[in-house]
Amino acid sequence: MATDFSGCDYLGLARHPALIEAMNAAARRYGISATSSRWALGWTEVHQQLEDAMADFMGTEAACILGAAYLGSAVYYASLAAERQVVFCDETVHSNQFLGMRAEGLEVHTFRHLDVDDLKRKLLSHDGRPCIIATDGVYGISGEIAPLRELADLAVEVGAEFFVDDAHGFGVLGDTGRGSTELCGLSPERVTVLGSMSKAMGCGGGFLAGRAELVERFRHSAASSGSSLPPVPVAAACLEALHLIRAEPELRRALKHNERVMRSVLAEQGVGVAAEGCPIIAMLLADEHEAAKLADHFLSFGLRIPYFKYASEPRTNMLRAAARSVYSRHDLERFAEAVRTRPGT
């Protein structure tokens, strides 16, 4: 059986026995479906515990859990559209952000990827209407980390709301795993964070965390109140995952060790990567054909690193690998041997 060396299960929690047991116990008690939306019959004490625990973990006034993280941008932009009709966003934010902005008919201005100076220039010509500055925290294909401190400072300077989709940073970055905002030293009151519970947490669903006044709006938005919640067994597993992230920092330490090993192998063999500092390791290759060929080569060593044209990444010469906390020494040796014997060497 091939070993996954890509994907988003960074802490290996998707198969963790404690999560499976929590899910089974909740399924026996509550059934397997939420059956309804938040304000109808779907809300349970498990959902409330998860929402409270998420706000506490993130250090925010409140949090709103969602059936899918992909809904988060639609909920966010719908909730602010009446008072903020203008958005300045990084040109390569995840597609869910653009869908949310466009669904509300917002005026969208993109700035060059990770380029704070370009955003400054665009803000200087802005007419002063209340706006939003939006970015991903970690770019899910390249692994690049946005300059969040600088962007947050600009948001304060122009009176903008600041929104960060941190689906790939949550659970793995920062001293406690709060994500890219913690890594960059942002205080929770300066930002609204969209997080995923299907990646580092290994479960399903998403959340928005921030100021209580905004979160209450999120809970009552059409996209939130009219859609299903995470099924109760999934919410119970999320609670257990959050507990493990807090109680077992060794998961992140193992992840960081494996990331260092993988990056070291690639550097020794002259394979460039798109970015440093997170578990996403995007190998830079000549073109998409070389990327696809290398994916096949890894598979011949029993390592799955699939290549496809990524929706949110315009560059096609990357092969996206990912470190995970659960790799064995043998797994890492296979990775090293595959890199050493790659086509063209």
Protein backbone atom coordinates (compact mmCIF):
# COMPACT_ATOMS: atom_id res chain seq x y z
CA MET A 1 0.00 0.00 0.00
CA ALA A 2 1.40 3.38 -1.01
CA THR A 3 2.16 6.01 1.62
CA ASP A 4 0.67 9.48 1.15
CA PHE A 5 3.41 12.11 0.87
CA SER A 6 1.01 14.87 -0.06
CA GLY A 7 -2.49 15.91 1.03
CA CYS A 8 -3.31 17.91 4.14
CA ASP A 9 -3.43 15.42 7.04
CA TYR A 10 -0.36 17.12 8.49
CA LEU A 11 -0.66 15.73 12.04
CA GLY A 12 -1.89 12.29 11.02
CA LEU A 13 -5.11 12.72 12.98
CA ALA A 14 -7.47 11.44 10.28
CA ARG A 15 -6.76 7.86 11.41
CA HIS A 16 -6.08 8.55 15.09
CA PRO A 17 -7.82 5.97 17.32
CA ALA A 18 -9.06 8.62 19.77
CA LEU A 19 -10.87 10.49 17.00
CA ILE A 20 -12.38 7.29 15.63
CA GLU A 21 -13.65 6.33 19.09
CA ALA A 22 -15.09 9.82 19.70
CA MET A 23 -16.89 9.64 16.37
CA ASN A 24 -18.26 6.16 17.02
CA ALA A 25 -19.52 7.08 20.48
CA ALA A 26 -21.27 10.20 19.17
CA ALA A 27 -22.79 8.27 16.25
CA ARG A 28 -24.27 5.72 18.62
CA ARG A 29 -25.82 8.49 20.72
CA TYR A 30 -26.84 11.10 18.13
CA GLY A 31 -26.91 9.32 14.77
CA ILE A 32 -24.76 10.16 11.77
CA SER A 33 -26.34 13.37 10.43
CA ALA A 34 -26.90 16.84 11.80
CA THR A 35 -30.32 16.54 10.00
CA SER A 36 -30.84 20.29 10.00
CA SER A 37 -29.31 23.76 10.16
CA ARG A 38 -28.06 25.58 13.23
CA TRP A 39 -31.31 27.41 14.01
CA ALA A 40 -33.67 24.52 13.27
CA LEU A 41 -32.99 21.16 14.95
CA GLY A 42 -29.33 20.63 14.13
CA TRP A 43 -27.64 22.30 17.08
CA THR A 44 -26.46 20.05 19.92
CA GLU A 45 -24.36 20.41 23.05
CA VAL A 46 -21.47 18.86 21.11
CA HIS A 47 -21.59 21.69 18.56
CA GLN A 48 -21.71 24.25 21.38
CA GLN A 49 -18.73 22.65 23.10
CA LEU A 50 -16.78 22.69 19.84
CA GLU A 51 -17.59 26.32 19.12
CA ASP A 52 -16.62 27.37 22.65
CA ALA A 53 -13.42 25.30 22.53
CA MET A 54 -12.44 26.78 19.17
CA ALA A 55 -12.85 30.36 20.39
CA ASP A 56 -10.82 29.53 23.49
CA PHE A 57 -8.07 27.89 21.46
CA MET A 58 -7.87 30.77 18.98
CA GLY A 59 -7.93 33.35 21.76
CA THR A 60 -10.83 35.18 20.10
CA GLU A 61 -14.05 36.56 21.55
CA ALA A 62 -16.11 34.02 19.61
CA ALA A 63 -16.14 31.45 16.83
CA CYS A 64 -18.75 30.13 14.40
CA ILE A 65 -18.45 26.55 13.15
CA LEU A 66 -19.53 25.63 9.62
CA GLY A 67 -20.40 22.45 7.77
CA ALA A 68 -17.55 23.16 5.35
CA ALA A 69 -14.63 25.59 5.44
CA TYR A 70 -15.41 26.39 1.79
CA LEU A 71 -18.55 28.19 3.01
CA GLY A 72 -16.49 30.53 5.19
CA SER A 73 -15.73 33.21 2.63
CA ALA A 74 -19.35 33.31 1.44
CA VAL A 75 -20.46 33.78 5.06
CA TYR A 76 -17.81 36.42 5.75
CA TYR A 77 -18.38 38.60 2.69
CA ALA A 78 -22.17 38.35 2.90
CA SER A 79 -22.01 39.50 6.51
CA LEU A 80 -19.94 42.59 5.72
CA ALA A 81 -21.25 43.50 2.26
CA ALA A 82 -23.77 46.08 3.44
CA GLU A 83 -21.05 48.30 4.91
CA ARG A 84 -17.92 47.30 2.96
CA GLN A 85 -18.32 47.09 -0.78
CA VAL A 86 -14.62 47.11 -1.68
CA VAL A 87 -12.05 44.31 -1.26
CA PHE A 88 -8.30 44.40 -1.82
CA CYS A 89 -7.01 40.84 -2.05
CA ASP A 90 -3.91 38.93 -3.06
CA GLU A 91 -4.31 37.87 -6.68
CA THR A 92 -3.90 34.15 -5.86
CA VAL A 93 -6.18 33.74 -2.85
CA HIS A 94 -8.12 30.49 -2.76
CA SER A 95 -11.05 30.27 -5.15
CA ASN A 96 -13.55 30.20 -2.28
CA GLN A 97 -12.63 33.81 -1.52
CA PHE A 98 -13.32 34.99 -5.06
CA LEU A 99 -16.61 33.09 -5.09
CA GLY A 100 -17.67 34.80 -1.87
CA MET A 101 -16.72 38.28 -3.10
CA ARG A 102 -18.38 37.88 -6.48
CA ALA A 103 -21.55 36.39 -5.02
CA GLU A 104 -22.03 39.67 -3.12
CA GLY A 105 -21.15 41.85 -6.12
CA LEU A 106 -18.23 43.43 -4.30
CA GLU A 107 -15.73 45.68 -6.04
CA VAL A 108 -12.55 43.58 -6.10
CA HIS A 109 -9.02 44.95 -6.50
CA THR A 110 -6.21 42.42 -6.58
CA PHE A 111 -2.61 43.15 -5.63
CA ARG A 112 0.45 41.24 -6.75
CA HIS A 113 1.06 37.99 -4.92
CA LEU A 114 2.64 38.66 -1.48
CA ASP A 115 3.51 42.23 -2.57
CA VAL A 116 2.76 44.67 0.25
CA ASP A 117 4.17 47.62 -1.71
CA ASP A 118 1.75 46.97 -4.57
CA LEU A 119 -1.13 46.96 -2.10
CA LYS A 120 0.12 50.25 -0.64
CA ARG A 121 0.12 51.85 -4.09
CA LYS A 122 -3.42 50.68 -4.77
CA LEU A 123 -4.65 51.88 -1.37
CA LEU A 124 -3.16 55.34 -2.02
CA SER A 125 -5.46 55.74 -5.01
CA HIS A 126 -8.48 54.34 -3.16
CA ASP A 127 -11.38 56.74 -2.68
CA GLY A 128 -11.67 56.07 1.06
CA ARG A 129 -14.78 53.89 1.07
CA PRO A 130 -14.74 51.27 3.87
CA CYS A 131 -12.90 48.22 2.59
CA ILE A 132 -11.59 44.75 3.39
CA ILE A 133 -8.02 43.49 2.96
CA ALA A 134 -7.96 39.74 2.32
CA THR A 135 -5.29 37.09 1.96
CA ASP A 136 -4.58 33.43 2.53
CA GLY A 137 -2.36 32.81 5.53
CA VAL A 138 -0.55 29.88 3.93
CA TYR A 139 -0.92 29.28 0.21
CA GLY A 140 -2.05 25.70 -0.06
CA ILE A 141 0.01 24.65 -3.09
CA SER A 142 3.22 26.66 -2.83
CA GLY A 143 3.43 26.77 0.97
CA GLU A 144 4.18 30.49 0.88
CA ILE A 145 3.27 32.40 4.04
CA ALA A 146 1.68 35.82 3.61
CA PRO A 147 3.28 38.91 5.24
CA LEU A 148 0.46 39.14 7.74
CA ARG A 149 1.97 41.72 10.11
CA GLU A 150 2.53 44.20 7.30
CA LEU A 151 -0.93 43.59 5.84
CA ALA A 152 -2.56 43.96 9.26
CA ASP A 153 -0.72 47.24 9.82
CA LEU A 154 -2.02 48.54 6.50
CA ALA A 155 -5.54 47.49 7.48
CA VAL A 156 -5.28 49.56 10.67
CA GLU A 157 -3.84 52.51 8.73
CA VAL A 158 -6.77 52.67 6.29
CA GLY A 159 -9.50 51.43 8.65
CA ALA A 160 -10.02 48.17 6.77
CA GLU A 161 -11.28 44.86 8.05
CA PHE A 162 -8.59 42.17 7.75
CA PHE A 163 -9.54 38.64 6.68
CA VAL A 164 -7.20 35.63 6.56
CA ASP A 165 -8.06 32.21 5.14
CA ASP A 166 -5.73 30.06 7.23
CA ALA A 167 -6.95 26.62 6.21
CA HIS A 168 -3.40 25.29 5.82
CA GLY A 169 -1.77 27.11 8.73
CA PHE A 170 -4.27 26.26 11.45
CA GLY A 171 -3.15 23.42 13.71
CA VAL A 172 0.48 23.36 12.59
CA LEU A 173 2.03 26.85 12.67
CA GLY A 174 2.78 29.03 15.69
CA ASP A 175 3.90 28.06 19.17
CA THR A 176 0.54 26.52 20.06
CA GLY A 177 -0.75 25.65 16.58
CA ARG A 178 -3.12 28.59 16.17
CA GLY A 179 -1.74 29.11 12.70
CA SER A 180 -0.07 31.73 10.56
CA THR A 181 -1.52 34.63 12.53
CA GLU A 182 0.18 33.31 15.67
CA LEU A 183 3.38 32.65 13.76
CA CYS A 184 3.41 36.26 12.57
CA GLY A 185 2.58 37.64 16.01
CA LEU A 186 -0.87 39.02 15.24
CA SER A 187 -3.17 39.60 18.20
CA PRO A 188 -6.56 37.92 17.67
CA GLU A 189 -8.58 41.16 17.78
CA ARG A 190 -6.83 42.44 14.64
CA VAL A 191 -8.11 39.78 12.27
CA THR A 192 -10.94 37.46 11.31
CA VAL A 193 -9.62 33.95 10.64
CA LEU A 194 -11.21 31.28 8.47
CA GLY A 195 -9.93 27.85 9.49
CA SER A 196 -10.45 24.33 8.26
CA MET A 197 -11.20 21.32 10.44
CA SER A 198 -10.55 18.89 7.55
CA LYS A 199 -6.79 19.40 7.25
CA ALA A 200 -4.53 19.41 10.34
CA MET A 201 -7.49 18.32 12.48
CA GLY A 202 -8.20 15.36 10.21
CA CYS A 203 -11.98 15.76 10.51
CA GLY A 204 -14.42 17.96 8.57
CA GLY A 205 -16.01 21.38 8.56
CA GLY A 206 -14.63 24.84 9.17
CA PHE A 207 -14.89 27.87 11.41
CA LEU A 208 -14.69 31.65 11.50
CA ALA A 209 -13.05 33.18 14.57
CA GLY A 210 -12.90 36.83 15.55
CA ARG A 211 -14.75 39.63 17.31
CA ALA A 212 -18.04 38.66 18.96
CA GLU A 213 -20.03 41.29 17.07
CA LEU A 214 -18.90 39.92 13.70
CA VAL A 215 -19.23 36.27 14.68
CA GLU A 216 -22.84 36.82 15.68
CA ARG A 217 -23.47 38.13 12.18
CA PHE A 218 -21.78 35.07 10.71
CA ARG A 219 -24.12 32.79 12.66
CA HIS A 220 -27.18 34.52 11.22
CA SER A 221 -25.97 34.89 7.62
CA ALA A 222 -27.97 33.06 4.97
CA ALA A 223 -25.05 30.83 3.97
CA SER A 224 -24.44 29.79 7.57
CA SER A 225 -27.93 29.51 9.02
CA GLY A 226 -29.31 27.87 5.89
CA SER A 227 -26.71 25.12 5.57
CA SER A 228 -26.05 21.93 7.49
CA LEU A 229 -23.66 21.76 10.40
CA PRO A 230 -20.86 19.24 10.75
CA PRO A 231 -22.58 15.94 11.64
CA VAL A 232 -22.44 15.35 15.40
CA PRO A 233 -19.92 12.47 15.12
CA VAL A 234 -17.63 14.74 13.09
CA ALA A 235 -18.03 17.55 15.63
CA ALA A 236 -17.14 15.12 18.42
CA ALA A 237 -14.03 14.03 16.52
CA CYS A 238 -13.13 17.70 16.00
CA LEU A 239 -13.32 18.25 19.75
CA GLU A 240 -10.95 15.36 20.32
CA ALA A 241 -8.59 16.62 17.62
CA LEU A 242 -8.50 20.06 19.20
CA HIS A 243 -7.70 18.45 22.54
CA LEU A 244 -4.81 16.50 21.01
CA ILE A 245 -3.39 19.58 19.28
CA ARG A 246 -3.34 21.35 22.64
CA ALA A 247 -2.20 18.41 24.78
CA GLU A 248 0.38 16.79 22.50
CA PRO A 249 2.82 19.37 21.08
CA GLU A 250 5.02 16.43 20.15
CA LEU A 251 2.76 15.98 17.11
CA ARG A 252 3.97 19.34 15.78
CA ARG A 253 7.55 18.56 16.78
CA ALA A 254 7.45 15.29 14.80
CA LEU A 255 5.93 17.16 11.87
CA LYS A 256 8.70 19.78 11.97
CA HIS A 257 11.40 17.10 12.16
CA ASN A 258 10.02 15.28 9.13
CA GLU A 259 9.71 18.56 7.23
CA ARG A 260 13.38 19.34 7.95
CA VAL A 261 14.46 15.90 6.74
CA MET A 262 12.51 16.21 3.50
CA ARG A 263 13.75 19.73 2.80
CA SER A 264 17.33 18.69 3.54
CA VAL A 265 17.13 15.79 1.06
CA LEU A 266 15.77 18.07 -1.66
CA ALA A 267 18.43 20.73 -1.01
CA GLU A 268 21.24 18.16 -1.11
CA GLN A 269 19.97 16.89 -4.44
CA GLY A 270 19.56 20.35 -5.94
CA VAL A 271 15.77 20.36 -6.09
CA GLY A 272 14.39 23.84 -5.50
CA VAL A 273 11.25 24.51 -3.45
CA ALA A 274 8.76 27.35 -3.64
CA ALA A 275 8.86 28.36 0.03
CA GLU A 276 10.15 27.54 3.48
CA GLY A 277 8.57 27.43 6.91
CA CYS A 278 5.55 25.15 6.64
CA PRO A 279 4.75 21.46 5.95
CA ILE A 280 3.84 22.13 2.32
CA ILE A 281 6.92 21.41 0.19
CA ALA A 282 6.36 22.42 -3.43
CA MET A 283 9.18 21.15 -5.63
CA LEU A 284 10.08 23.51 -8.49
CA LEU A 285 10.60 21.64 -11.74
CA ALA A 286 11.18 22.57 -15.37
CA ASP A 287 7.56 22.25 -16.44
CA GLU A 288 4.35 20.29 -15.89
CA HIS A 289 5.67 17.29 -17.85
CA GLU A 290 8.66 16.93 -15.55
CA ALA A 291 6.36 17.35 -12.54
CA ALA A 292 4.04 14.59 -13.77
CA LYS A 293 7.00 12.31 -14.55
CA LEU A 294 8.42 12.82 -11.05
CA ALA A 295 5.01 12.02 -9.52
CA ASP A 296 5.06 8.67 -11.36
CA HIS A 297 8.61 8.06 -10.16
CA PHE A 298 7.63 8.63 -6.52
CA LEU A 299 4.73 6.21 -6.96
CA SER A 300 7.16 3.52 -8.10
CA PHE A 301 8.71 3.85 -4.61
CA GLY A 302 5.30 3.49 -2.97
CA LEU A 303 4.93 7.23 -2.29
CA ARG A 304 1.84 9.07 -3.51
CA ILE A 305 2.50 12.67 -4.58
CA PRO A 306 -0.07 13.22 -7.34
CA TYR A 307 0.41 15.92 -9.94
CA PHE A 308 -2.47 17.90 -11.38
CA LYS A 309 -3.08 21.51 -12.37
CA TYR A 310 -3.93 23.21 -9.12
CA ALA A 311 -6.96 25.51 -9.18
CA SER A 312 -5.51 28.25 -6.97
CA GLU A 313 -1.91 28.21 -8.26
CA PRO A 314 -1.10 29.68 -11.69
CA ARG A 315 2.35 28.04 -11.86
CA THR A 316 2.20 24.56 -13.40
CA ASN A 317 5.79 23.43 -12.71
CA MET A 318 5.27 22.51 -9.07
CA LEU A 319 4.90 19.08 -7.52
CA ARG A 320 3.30 19.53 -4.13
CA ALA A 321 4.56 17.22 -1.40
CA ALA A 322 3.70 17.58 2.27
CA ALA A 323 5.38 16.61 5.50
CA ARG A 324 3.28 14.70 8.02
CA SER A 325 3.97 13.82 11.64
CA VAL A 326 3.43 10.08 11.12
CA TYR A 327 6.22 9.25 8.66
CA SER A 328 8.53 6.47 9.79
CA ARG A 329 12.27 6.40 9.27
CA HIS A 330 11.70 3.92 6.46
CA ASP A 331 9.20 6.28 4.79
CA LEU A 332 11.74 9.09 4.84
CA GLU A 333 14.46 6.80 3.49
CA ARG A 334 12.20 5.86 0.57
CA PHE A 335 11.59 9.55 -0.08
CA ALA A 336 15.34 10.23 -0.07
CA GLU A 337 16.06 7.35 -2.43
CA ALA A 338 13.31 8.44 -4.81
CA VAL A 339 14.73 11.97 -4.92
CA ARG A 340 18.28 10.67 -5.49
CA THR A 341 17.18 8.46 -8.39
CA ARG A 342 14.68 10.83 -10.00
CA PRO A 343 14.50 10.95 -13.81
CA GLY A 344 17.24 13.02 -15.39
CA THR A 345 19.80 12.55 -12.63
